[in-house]
């Protein structure tokens, strides 16, 4: 493992497709906690899901990849990612 893998990064993700009403947020929370990733996830009024993942680079990348499939009932059409400066998230929550 390189030093870069331990670097803390933040990914701001927007997921579109059939991603609301299919337990996408709950599955995202569980997947993030399994990987030790902090941040949050919420539904947007336009039908997308928005999430922030913060943690070790390798774990955050794993979550970004996970978003392309998401929960078993989801049908993901697109995932957009913007990388930002970490903001000190310290848990993972589902926002309403």
N, C-alpha and C. Protein backbone atom coordinates (compact mmCIF):
# COMPACT_ATOMS: atom_id res chain seq x y z
N UNK A 1 0.85 -1.19 0.00
CA UNK A 1 0.00 0.00 0.00
C UNK A 1 0.89 1.24 0.00
N UNK A 2 0.61 2.16 -0.88
CA UNK A 2 1.42 3.37 -0.97
C UNK A 2 0.91 4.41 0.01
N UNK A 3 1.72 5.43 0.25
CA UNK A 3 1.30 6.52 1.15
C UNK A 3 0.05 7.19 0.62
N UNK A 4 -0.11 7.23 -0.70
CA UNK A 4 -1.27 7.90 -1.30
C UNK A 4 -2.58 7.24 -0.85
N UNK A 5 -2.58 5.93 -0.60
CA UNK A 5 -3.79 5.23 -0.20
C UNK A 5 -4.32 5.71 1.15
N UNK A 6 -3.43 6.24 1.98
CA UNK A 6 -3.84 6.71 3.30
C UNK A 6 -4.30 8.17 3.28
N UNK A 7 -4.06 8.84 2.19
CA UNK A 7 -4.45 10.24 2.07
C UNK A 7 -5.97 10.37 2.17
N UNK A 8 -6.43 11.34 2.95
CA UNK A 8 -7.87 11.55 3.11
C UNK A 8 -8.40 12.39 1.96
N UNK A 9 -9.41 11.88 1.30
CA UNK A 9 -9.99 12.57 0.15
C UNK A 9 -11.50 12.69 0.35
N UNK A 10 -12.12 13.55 -0.46
CA UNK A 10 -13.57 13.77 -0.40
C UNK A 10 -14.13 13.73 -1.82
N UNK A 11 -15.12 12.86 -2.02
CA UNK A 11 -15.79 12.76 -3.31
C UNK A 11 -17.25 13.16 -3.13
N UNK A 12 -17.72 14.09 -3.96
CA UNK A 12 -19.11 14.56 -3.95
C UNK A 12 -19.75 13.91 -5.17
N UNK A 13 -20.74 13.04 -4.92
CA UNK A 13 -21.27 12.18 -5.96
C UNK A 13 -22.75 12.45 -6.20
N UNK A 14 -23.14 12.44 -7.48
CA UNK A 14 -24.56 12.54 -7.87
C UNK A 14 -24.89 11.31 -8.70
N UNK A 15 -25.92 10.57 -8.28
CA UNK A 15 -26.30 9.33 -8.95
C UNK A 15 -27.69 9.50 -9.55
N UNK A 16 -27.83 9.20 -10.84
CA UNK A 16 -29.13 9.29 -11.48
C UNK A 16 -29.57 7.93 -11.99
N UNK A 17 -30.87 7.80 -12.22
CA UNK A 17 -31.47 6.54 -12.64
C UNK A 17 -32.60 6.21 -11.68
N UNK A 18 -32.92 4.92 -11.56
CA UNK A 18 -33.92 4.49 -10.58
C UNK A 18 -33.18 4.25 -9.27
N UNK A 19 -33.05 5.33 -8.47
CA UNK A 19 -32.22 5.26 -7.26
C UNK A 19 -32.97 5.75 -6.02
N UNK A 20 -34.24 6.09 -6.16
CA UNK A 20 -35.04 6.46 -5.00
C UNK A 20 -36.13 5.42 -4.82
N UNK A 21 -36.43 5.08 -3.55
CA UNK A 21 -37.44 4.08 -3.26
C UNK A 21 -36.94 2.67 -3.44
N UNK A 22 -35.62 2.48 -3.54
CA UNK A 22 -35.04 1.15 -3.74
C UNK A 22 -33.95 0.87 -2.68
N UNK A 23 -34.06 1.54 -1.54
CA UNK A 23 -33.11 1.38 -0.43
C UNK A 23 -31.69 1.77 -0.81
N UNK A 24 -31.56 2.67 -1.79
CA UNK A 24 -30.23 3.10 -2.21
C UNK A 24 -29.49 3.79 -1.07
N UNK A 25 -30.18 4.69 -0.35
CA UNK A 25 -29.51 5.43 0.74
C UNK A 25 -29.06 4.50 1.85
N UNK A 26 -29.94 3.58 2.28
CA UNK A 26 -29.59 2.67 3.37
C UNK A 26 -28.43 1.76 2.97
N UNK A 27 -28.45 1.27 1.74
CA UNK A 27 -27.36 0.43 1.26
C UNK A 27 -26.06 1.21 1.13
N UNK A 28 -26.16 2.48 0.74
CA UNK A 28 -24.98 3.33 0.64
C UNK A 28 -24.36 3.52 2.03
N UNK A 29 -25.22 3.81 3.01
CA UNK A 29 -24.74 3.98 4.39
C UNK A 29 -24.03 2.71 4.86
N UNK A 30 -24.64 1.56 4.65
CA UNK A 30 -24.04 0.30 5.10
C UNK A 30 -22.70 0.03 4.41
N UNK A 31 -22.66 0.27 3.09
CA UNK A 31 -21.42 0.04 2.33
C UNK A 31 -20.31 0.99 2.80
N UNK A 32 -20.68 2.25 3.07
CA UNK A 32 -19.69 3.24 3.52
C UNK A 32 -19.14 2.85 4.89
N UNK A 33 -20.03 2.44 5.78
CA UNK A 33 -19.58 2.05 7.13
C UNK A 33 -18.68 0.82 7.08
N UNK A 34 -19.00 -0.13 6.20
CA UNK A 34 -18.14 -1.32 6.05
C UNK A 34 -16.74 -0.94 5.61
N UNK A 35 -16.62 0.12 4.82
CA UNK A 35 -15.32 0.55 4.28
C UNK A 35 -14.64 1.60 5.15
N UNK A 36 -15.29 2.04 6.22
CA UNK A 36 -14.70 3.06 7.09
C UNK A 36 -14.72 4.43 6.46
N UNK A 37 -15.74 4.69 5.63
CA UNK A 37 -15.87 5.98 4.94
C UNK A 37 -16.90 6.84 5.66
N UNK A 38 -16.58 8.12 5.84
CA UNK A 38 -17.50 9.07 6.48
C UNK A 38 -18.22 9.87 5.41
N UNK A 39 -19.29 10.58 5.82
CA UNK A 39 -20.01 11.44 4.90
C UNK A 39 -21.51 11.32 5.08
N UNK A 40 -22.25 11.48 4.00
CA UNK A 40 -23.71 11.44 4.06
C UNK A 40 -24.30 11.12 2.69
N UNK A 41 -25.59 10.78 2.69
CA UNK A 41 -26.32 10.51 1.45
C UNK A 41 -27.74 11.03 1.61
N UNK A 42 -28.32 11.56 0.52
CA UNK A 42 -29.69 12.06 0.58
C UNK A 42 -30.33 12.00 -0.80
N UNK A 43 -31.67 11.99 -0.81
CA UNK A 43 -32.42 12.08 -2.05
C UNK A 43 -32.54 13.55 -2.45
N UNK A 44 -32.53 13.82 -3.74
CA UNK A 44 -32.77 15.15 -4.27
C UNK A 44 -34.16 15.20 -4.91
N UNK A 45 -34.72 16.39 -4.96
CA UNK A 45 -36.07 16.56 -5.52
C UNK A 45 -36.16 16.16 -6.99
N UNK A 46 -35.03 16.17 -7.70
CA UNK A 46 -35.06 15.84 -9.13
C UNK A 46 -34.93 14.34 -9.41
N UNK A 47 -34.96 13.52 -8.33
CA UNK A 47 -34.91 12.07 -8.51
C UNK A 47 -33.52 11.47 -8.38
N UNK A 48 -32.50 12.33 -8.28
CA UNK A 48 -31.14 11.81 -8.09
C UNK A 48 -30.87 11.57 -6.61
N UNK A 49 -29.76 10.86 -6.35
CA UNK A 49 -29.24 10.71 -5.00
C UNK A 49 -27.91 11.46 -4.97
N UNK A 50 -27.70 12.23 -3.90
CA UNK A 50 -26.44 12.97 -3.69
C UNK A 50 -25.74 12.35 -2.50
N UNK A 51 -24.43 12.18 -2.61
CA UNK A 51 -23.66 11.63 -1.50
C UNK A 51 -22.29 12.29 -1.42
N UNK A 52 -21.76 12.31 -0.20
CA UNK A 52 -20.39 12.75 0.03
C UNK A 52 -19.67 11.61 0.74
N UNK A 53 -18.51 11.24 0.21
CA UNK A 53 -17.68 10.20 0.82
C UNK A 53 -16.35 10.82 1.19
N UNK A 54 -15.95 10.62 2.44
CA UNK A 54 -14.69 11.18 2.91
C UNK A 54 -13.93 10.11 3.68
N UNK A 55 -12.67 9.93 3.34
CA UNK A 55 -11.86 8.93 4.03
C UNK A 55 -10.62 8.62 3.22
N UNK A 56 -9.98 7.47 3.52
CA UNK A 56 -8.79 7.07 2.77
C UNK A 56 -9.10 6.95 1.28
N UNK A 57 -8.16 7.36 0.44
CA UNK A 57 -8.39 7.40 -1.00
C UNK A 57 -8.92 6.08 -1.56
N UNK A 58 -8.32 4.96 -1.16
CA UNK A 58 -8.74 3.67 -1.71
C UNK A 58 -10.17 3.34 -1.31
N UNK A 59 -10.56 3.66 -0.07
CA UNK A 59 -11.91 3.38 0.41
C UNK A 59 -12.93 4.27 -0.29
N UNK A 60 -12.59 5.54 -0.49
CA UNK A 60 -13.50 6.46 -1.18
C UNK A 60 -13.68 6.02 -2.63
N UNK A 61 -12.59 5.61 -3.29
CA UNK A 61 -12.70 5.12 -4.67
C UNK A 61 -13.59 3.88 -4.73
N UNK A 62 -13.49 3.03 -3.72
CA UNK A 62 -14.33 1.84 -3.65
C UNK A 62 -15.81 2.22 -3.57
N UNK A 63 -16.12 3.26 -2.81
CA UNK A 63 -17.51 3.73 -2.70
C UNK A 63 -18.00 4.34 -4.01
N UNK A 64 -17.13 5.09 -4.69
CA UNK A 64 -17.52 5.68 -5.97
C UNK A 64 -17.85 4.55 -6.96
N UNK A 65 -17.01 3.51 -6.97
CA UNK A 65 -17.28 2.36 -7.84
C UNK A 65 -18.59 1.68 -7.44
N UNK A 66 -18.81 1.54 -6.13
CA UNK A 66 -20.03 0.90 -5.63
C UNK A 66 -21.27 1.63 -6.14
N UNK A 67 -21.21 2.95 -6.23
CA UNK A 67 -22.36 3.75 -6.66
C UNK A 67 -22.85 3.39 -8.05
N UNK A 68 -21.97 2.87 -8.91
CA UNK A 68 -22.37 2.52 -10.27
C UNK A 68 -23.35 1.35 -10.29
N UNK A 69 -23.37 0.56 -9.21
CA UNK A 69 -24.32 -0.56 -9.09
C UNK A 69 -25.36 -0.23 -8.03
N UNK A 70 -24.87 0.18 -6.85
CA UNK A 70 -25.77 0.57 -5.78
C UNK A 70 -26.54 -0.58 -5.19
N UNK A 71 -27.73 -0.30 -4.69
CA UNK A 71 -28.55 -1.33 -4.07
C UNK A 71 -29.06 -2.30 -5.12
N UNK A 72 -29.40 -3.53 -4.71
CA UNK A 72 -29.83 -4.55 -5.67
C UNK A 72 -31.00 -4.12 -6.56
N UNK A 73 -31.92 -3.31 -6.05
CA UNK A 73 -33.10 -2.91 -6.83
C UNK A 73 -32.87 -1.66 -7.68
N UNK A 74 -31.72 -1.02 -7.52
CA UNK A 74 -31.44 0.22 -8.25
C UNK A 74 -31.10 -0.06 -9.71
N UNK A 75 -31.38 0.93 -10.56
CA UNK A 75 -30.97 0.89 -11.96
C UNK A 75 -30.24 2.21 -12.21
N UNK A 76 -28.92 2.19 -12.03
CA UNK A 76 -28.12 3.41 -12.10
C UNK A 76 -27.85 3.78 -13.56
N UNK A 77 -28.20 5.02 -13.92
CA UNK A 77 -27.97 5.51 -15.28
C UNK A 77 -26.65 6.25 -15.39
N UNK A 78 -26.29 7.02 -14.36
CA UNK A 78 -25.09 7.84 -14.43
C UNK A 78 -24.58 8.18 -13.04
N UNK A 79 -23.26 8.30 -12.91
CA UNK A 79 -22.63 8.73 -11.66
C UNK A 79 -21.67 9.85 -12.00
N UNK A 80 -21.88 11.02 -11.39
CA UNK A 80 -21.01 12.17 -11.58
C UNK A 80 -20.24 12.39 -10.28
N UNK A 81 -18.94 12.59 -10.38
CA UNK A 81 -18.09 12.75 -9.20
C UNK A 81 -17.30 14.04 -9.28
N UNK A 82 -17.31 14.80 -8.19
CA UNK A 82 -16.47 15.99 -8.06
C UNK A 82 -15.60 15.79 -6.82
N UNK A 83 -14.29 15.97 -6.97
CA UNK A 83 -13.40 15.83 -5.81
C UNK A 83 -13.20 17.18 -5.16
N UNK A 84 -13.29 17.20 -3.84
CA UNK A 84 -13.20 18.45 -3.06
C UNK A 84 -12.21 18.26 -1.92
N UNK A 85 -11.93 19.36 -1.24
CA UNK A 85 -11.09 19.27 -0.04
C UNK A 85 -11.89 18.62 1.08
N UNK A 86 -11.29 17.68 1.83
CA UNK A 86 -12.00 17.06 2.96
C UNK A 86 -12.50 18.12 3.94
N UNK A 87 -13.70 17.90 4.49
CA UNK A 87 -14.31 18.87 5.39
C UNK A 87 -14.45 18.34 6.81
N UNK A 88 -13.85 17.19 7.10
CA UNK A 88 -13.85 16.68 8.46
C UNK A 88 -15.09 15.89 8.86
N UNK A 89 -15.74 15.24 7.90
CA UNK A 89 -16.88 14.36 8.24
C UNK A 89 -16.35 13.29 9.20
N UNK A 90 -17.17 12.92 10.19
CA UNK A 90 -16.67 11.95 11.16
C UNK A 90 -17.63 10.78 11.42
N UNK A 91 -18.65 10.66 10.59
CA UNK A 91 -19.58 9.53 10.66
C UNK A 91 -20.27 9.46 9.31
N UNK A 92 -21.09 8.43 9.09
CA UNK A 92 -21.87 8.39 7.85
C UNK A 92 -23.35 8.37 8.18
N UNK A 93 -24.09 9.33 7.59
CA UNK A 93 -25.51 9.46 7.92
C UNK A 93 -26.36 9.52 6.65
N UNK A 94 -27.63 9.17 6.84
CA UNK A 94 -28.64 9.36 5.79
C UNK A 94 -29.34 10.65 6.11
N UNK A 95 -29.29 11.60 5.19
CA UNK A 95 -29.97 12.88 5.39
C UNK A 95 -31.34 12.84 4.74
N UNK A 96 -32.29 13.55 5.34
CA UNK A 96 -33.64 13.60 4.79
C UNK A 96 -33.79 14.80 3.88
